[in-house]
Structure formats: C-alpha cells, structure tokens
C-alpha cells in the first residue's frame, strides 16, 4: 500500500482531543458498545454530502442509528445478479440481521447528485452520460422521475427532484422481498424525510399529503 500517507496533523489533534475528553468521560459506555454489539432502532439512508449530519439533526448517540450514505441518498431496485451492491447489502444487514424497527430515507436541499441528474437529463452534462461515469450510472436510478417533473422554474423543479429521490428510494425499498415482508408483518416502518440545510427545516412525506413540515 505504497500510496497511503499519514493522517493530516489537524485530524490527529482532533482525535487526541476527543480521546482526552469525550472518550475519557464516557469510557464505560464505549466499552459497553464494544462488548454488547450494536442494537440500533433505525437505519438511515442519507446523502454523502458533508453538510448532512444525521446524528446532530436527531441528537443521536453512538449505537442509535445504523447509517448508510451514498450519492443522493438513493436505494436501487432489488437485483439479485451477483454483482457489487453496497446499498442493498446495508439494507439487507439492517433489516435481516439488526432487525431495525424504522428505515428512514433522508434527502436534502442543494444535493449535488440530484443536480447532476437534472443537468444530465437536461442535456447539459454529457460527461455523466458516459458509460464510464459512476455518478451518471448511479443517477440513472432517478432519471425516470425527471420525466415526470411538472413545468416550472429550474429551482422549483430541482427541489421537486430532490424529494423525488426520497420517494423513488421508498418505492425501491419495497421491491426487496425481506423489506416488504417486514413491512407487511408490522416489524418495520419506512419513512421519507427532506432536510432544508439553510433553514434547518425537516419535512416528512405523508401519503396523500406529500411532504409536510415537521
């Protein structure tokens, strides 16, 4: 692994500060987590965007959420093709092994992945159309939603597409046999949320009513 390098000094300092304060003050709790394993009540599928901080939004402690992050918080449809499926594997583990009670898809404002999909579908991002673009092929999951967008200002359509990313993921989750079985047996509930980063707002999807401010 000749390409690996030492951790940046500012991260080393932050780690040492954490270990001397937060860890030292809660040593027994961390040991409990290590010895007893994880028992999260919920899984959250959120975006890789560094501005989306799930544990801060909900004031969560270590061990409370099983979090999976990817570009544009998308869940692909079920496909048992033997290929690499990181998001599908995380969902499978959360539902069948951890037996979480809630599965939350959290979208957000200003999503770069959704912007990329919007630009690609509008013909303004030919580089994402290339078969070699991992981002472009991932955003194909959202492409059908672009064709369903109502006419309007670009900013309004983009925000609508961000929320469509949440809805598409909820729809795709139900294509997983083990997710559908857990939902139908009342062992699992699905939730769709959208976070307005600038305003600190949080909207929840309500069937029949759309996204509603919490």
Protein backbone atom coordinates (compact mmCIF):
# COMPACT_ATOMS: atom_id res chain seq x y z
CA UNK A 1 0.00 0.00 0.00
CA UNK A 2 2.67 2.48 -1.08
CA UNK A 3 0.10 5.17 -1.91
CA UNK A 4 -1.17 5.56 1.66
CA UNK A 5 0.05 8.53 3.68
CA UNK A 6 0.00 9.65 7.30
CA UNK A 7 -3.16 11.28 8.60
CA UNK A 8 -3.18 15.12 8.36
CA UNK A 9 -1.94 16.72 11.57
CA UNK A 10 -5.16 18.64 12.22
CA UNK A 11 -7.11 15.36 12.28
CA UNK A 12 -4.57 13.83 14.63
CA UNK A 13 -5.02 16.76 17.01
CA UNK A 14 -8.79 16.46 16.86
CA UNK A 15 -8.60 12.75 17.59
CA UNK A 16 -6.33 13.24 20.58
CA UNK A 17 -8.66 15.93 21.88
CA UNK A 18 -11.67 13.63 21.52
CA UNK A 19 -9.92 10.76 23.27
CA UNK A 20 -8.88 13.01 26.17
CA UNK A 21 -12.38 14.46 26.63
CA UNK A 22 -15.45 12.73 25.15
CA UNK A 23 -13.98 9.25 25.24
CA UNK A 24 -12.38 9.64 28.67
CA UNK A 25 -15.65 10.94 30.13
CA UNK A 26 -17.66 8.06 28.64
CA UNK A 27 -15.18 5.19 28.70
CA UNK A 28 -17.62 2.70 30.24
CA UNK A 29 -20.25 3.46 27.57
CA UNK A 30 -17.81 2.84 24.73
CA UNK A 31 -16.73 -0.43 26.31
CA UNK A 32 -20.37 -1.42 26.64
CA UNK A 33 -20.91 -0.73 22.93
CA UNK A 34 -17.85 -2.77 22.03
CA UNK A 35 -18.77 -5.75 24.19
CA UNK A 36 -22.54 -5.80 23.72
CA UNK A 37 -22.56 -5.05 20.00
CA UNK A 38 -24.89 -2.68 18.18
CA UNK A 39 -28.65 -2.62 18.61
CA UNK A 40 -29.85 0.37 16.57
CA UNK A 41 -33.57 1.06 16.43
CA UNK A 42 -33.39 2.69 12.99
CA UNK A 43 -31.45 2.69 9.76
CA UNK A 44 -30.93 5.97 7.92
CA UNK A 45 -30.06 6.17 4.22
CA UNK A 46 -28.64 9.65 3.70
CA UNK A 47 -26.50 11.52 1.20
CA UNK A 48 -22.70 11.59 1.25
CA UNK A 49 -22.94 15.39 1.36
CA UNK A 50 -20.74 16.61 4.23
CA UNK A 51 -23.39 19.15 5.28
CA UNK A 52 -25.91 16.43 6.16
CA UNK A 53 -25.19 15.44 9.76
CA UNK A 54 -27.76 12.85 10.73
CA UNK A 55 -26.70 12.35 14.34
CA UNK A 56 -26.75 16.10 15.01
CA UNK A 57 -30.20 16.58 13.47
CA UNK A 58 -31.70 13.95 15.77
CA UNK A 59 -29.35 14.36 18.74
CA UNK A 60 -28.38 10.71 18.45
CA UNK A 61 -25.76 8.87 20.48
CA UNK A 62 -23.34 6.19 19.28
CA UNK A 63 -25.15 2.95 18.58
CA UNK A 64 -28.54 4.56 17.98
CA UNK A 65 -28.57 4.75 14.16
CA UNK A 66 -27.28 2.38 11.51
CA UNK A 67 -26.29 4.90 8.82
CA UNK A 68 -25.59 4.28 5.16
CA UNK A 69 -24.53 7.18 2.97
CA UNK A 70 -24.36 7.35 -0.80
CA UNK A 71 -24.75 9.86 -3.64
CA UNK A 72 -28.24 11.45 -3.43
CA UNK A 73 -29.49 9.03 -0.74
CA UNK A 74 -30.76 6.60 -3.37
CA UNK A 75 -31.82 2.99 -2.92
CA UNK A 76 -31.66 0.96 -6.14
CA UNK A 77 -34.34 -1.58 -7.01
CA UNK A 78 -33.83 -5.16 -5.84
CA UNK A 79 -31.50 -7.08 -8.16
CA UNK A 80 -30.04 -10.46 -7.23
CA UNK A 81 -27.48 -10.51 -10.04
CA UNK A 82 -24.38 -11.40 -8.03
CA UNK A 83 -22.75 -8.02 -8.64
CA UNK A 84 -21.48 -5.49 -6.08
CA UNK A 85 -24.37 -3.83 -4.24
CA UNK A 86 -23.21 -1.75 -1.28
CA UNK A 87 -26.52 -0.04 -0.55
CA UNK A 88 -28.53 -3.23 -0.98
CA UNK A 89 -26.13 -5.06 1.33
CA UNK A 90 -26.53 -2.37 4.00
CA UNK A 91 -30.34 -2.60 3.76
CA UNK A 92 -30.22 -6.38 3.97
CA UNK A 93 -28.00 -6.32 7.04
CA UNK A 94 -30.11 -3.70 8.80
CA UNK A 95 -33.41 -5.47 8.19
CA UNK A 96 -32.48 -9.14 8.48
CA UNK A 97 -29.61 -9.10 11.00
CA UNK A 98 -30.05 -5.95 13.09
CA UNK A 99 -33.85 -6.07 12.75
CA UNK A 100 -34.27 -2.31 12.85
CA UNK A 101 -37.79 -1.06 13.51
CA UNK A 102 -37.55 2.01 11.26
CA UNK A 103 -35.88 2.67 7.91
CA UNK A 104 -35.51 6.37 7.07
CA UNK A 105 -34.54 7.88 3.72
CA UNK A 106 -33.23 11.41 4.28
CA UNK A 107 -32.94 13.78 1.33
CA UNK A 108 -31.73 17.38 1.47
CA UNK A 109 -31.59 20.75 -0.26
CA UNK A 110 -28.78 21.63 -2.63
CA UNK A 111 -27.97 17.98 -3.42
CA UNK A 112 -25.11 17.80 -5.91
CA UNK A 113 -26.08 14.33 -7.07
CA UNK A 114 -29.63 15.41 -7.86
CA UNK A 115 -28.25 18.50 -9.60
CA UNK A 116 -26.09 16.20 -11.71
CA UNK A 117 -29.12 14.11 -12.64
CA UNK A 118 -31.07 17.25 -13.53
CA UNK A 119 -28.23 18.54 -15.71
CA UNK A 120 -27.70 15.15 -17.35
CA UNK A 121 -31.37 14.72 -18.19
CA UNK A 122 -31.48 18.33 -19.48
CA UNK A 123 -28.61 17.64 -21.85
CA UNK A 124 -26.13 19.87 -20.01
CA UNK A 125 -23.83 17.21 -18.53
CA UNK A 126 -22.66 14.94 -21.37
CA UNK A 127 -19.82 13.65 -19.21
CA UNK A 128 -22.39 11.96 -16.96
CA UNK A 129 -23.87 10.17 -19.95
CA UNK A 130 -20.63 8.27 -20.47
CA UNK A 131 -20.74 4.59 -19.56
CA UNK A 132 -17.58 5.15 -17.51
CA UNK A 133 -19.27 7.69 -15.19
CA UNK A 134 -20.08 6.02 -11.89
CA UNK A 135 -22.10 9.06 -10.82
CA UNK A 136 -24.09 9.14 -14.05
CA UNK A 137 -24.97 5.45 -13.97
CA UNK A 138 -25.94 5.71 -10.31
CA UNK A 139 -28.16 8.70 -11.04
CA UNK A 140 -29.95 6.68 -13.72
CA UNK A 141 -31.97 5.39 -10.77
CA UNK A 142 -33.56 8.84 -10.58
CA UNK A 143 -33.80 9.51 -14.33
CA UNK A 144 -37.46 8.38 -14.74
CA UNK A 145 -38.51 10.91 -12.10
CA UNK A 146 -37.11 13.77 -14.18
CA UNK A 147 -39.54 12.96 -16.97
CA UNK A 148 -42.44 13.24 -14.51
CA UNK A 149 -41.50 16.71 -13.21
CA UNK A 150 -44.07 19.45 -13.69
CA UNK A 151 -43.12 22.50 -15.70
CA UNK A 152 -41.81 25.47 -13.71
CA UNK A 153 -38.74 27.39 -12.67
CA UNK A 154 -35.50 25.37 -12.61
CA UNK A 155 -35.06 25.90 -8.86
CA UNK A 156 -38.56 24.59 -8.16
CA UNK A 157 -38.07 21.57 -10.42
CA UNK A 158 -34.72 20.81 -8.83
CA UNK A 159 -36.22 20.87 -5.34
CA UNK A 160 -39.02 18.61 -6.55
CA UNK A 161 -36.43 16.20 -7.94
CA UNK A 162 -34.64 16.14 -4.57
CA UNK A 163 -37.88 14.98 -2.98
CA UNK A 164 -38.44 12.52 -5.81
CA UNK A 165 -35.12 10.92 -4.85
CA UNK A 166 -36.65 10.12 -1.47
CA UNK A 167 -39.85 8.75 -2.99
CA UNK A 168 -38.03 6.60 -5.55
CA UNK A 169 -35.94 5.11 -2.77
CA UNK A 170 -39.04 4.31 -0.72
CA UNK A 171 -40.61 2.64 -3.77
CA UNK A 172 -37.45 0.65 -4.48
CA UNK A 173 -37.17 -0.50 -0.87
CA UNK A 174 -40.47 -2.30 -1.27
CA UNK A 175 -39.02 -4.36 -4.15
CA UNK A 176 -36.74 -6.11 -1.65
CA UNK A 177 -38.61 -9.27 -0.51
CA UNK A 178 -37.29 -9.09 3.05
CA UNK A 179 -38.22 -5.40 3.36
CA UNK A 180 -41.75 -5.99 2.05
CA UNK A 181 -42.21 -8.96 4.38
CA UNK A 182 -41.05 -6.94 7.40
CA UNK A 183 -43.33 -4.03 6.49
CA UNK A 184 -46.35 -6.29 5.96
CA UNK A 185 -45.68 -8.04 9.29
CA UNK A 186 -45.51 -4.67 11.09
CA UNK A 187 -41.91 -5.29 12.06
CA UNK A 188 -40.60 -2.36 10.00
CA UNK A 189 -41.86 1.08 9.04
CA UNK A 190 -40.49 3.20 6.20
CA UNK A 191 -40.10 6.98 6.45
CA UNK A 192 -39.20 9.68 3.92
CA UNK A 193 -37.66 12.97 5.05
CA UNK A 194 -36.22 16.05 3.36
CA UNK A 195 -33.88 18.47 5.15
CA UNK A 196 -33.60 22.17 4.26
CA UNK A 197 -29.98 22.83 5.20
CA UNK A 198 -30.14 26.63 5.17
CA UNK A 199 -33.32 26.89 7.25
CA UNK A 200 -32.82 23.86 9.46
CA UNK A 201 -36.18 22.58 8.27
CA UNK A 202 -37.32 18.98 8.14
CA UNK A 203 -40.22 17.74 6.05
CA UNK A 204 -41.80 14.29 6.29
CA UNK A 205 -43.55 12.52 3.46
CA UNK A 206 -47.19 11.73 4.29
CA UNK A 207 -49.05 9.52 1.78
CA UNK A 208 -51.82 11.54 0.17
CA UNK A 209 -50.47 14.83 1.51
CA UNK A 210 -46.92 14.94 0.17
CA UNK A 211 -44.04 16.46 2.12
CA UNK A 212 -45.14 18.30 5.24
CA UNK A 213 -43.07 20.44 7.60
CA UNK A 214 -42.38 18.79 10.95
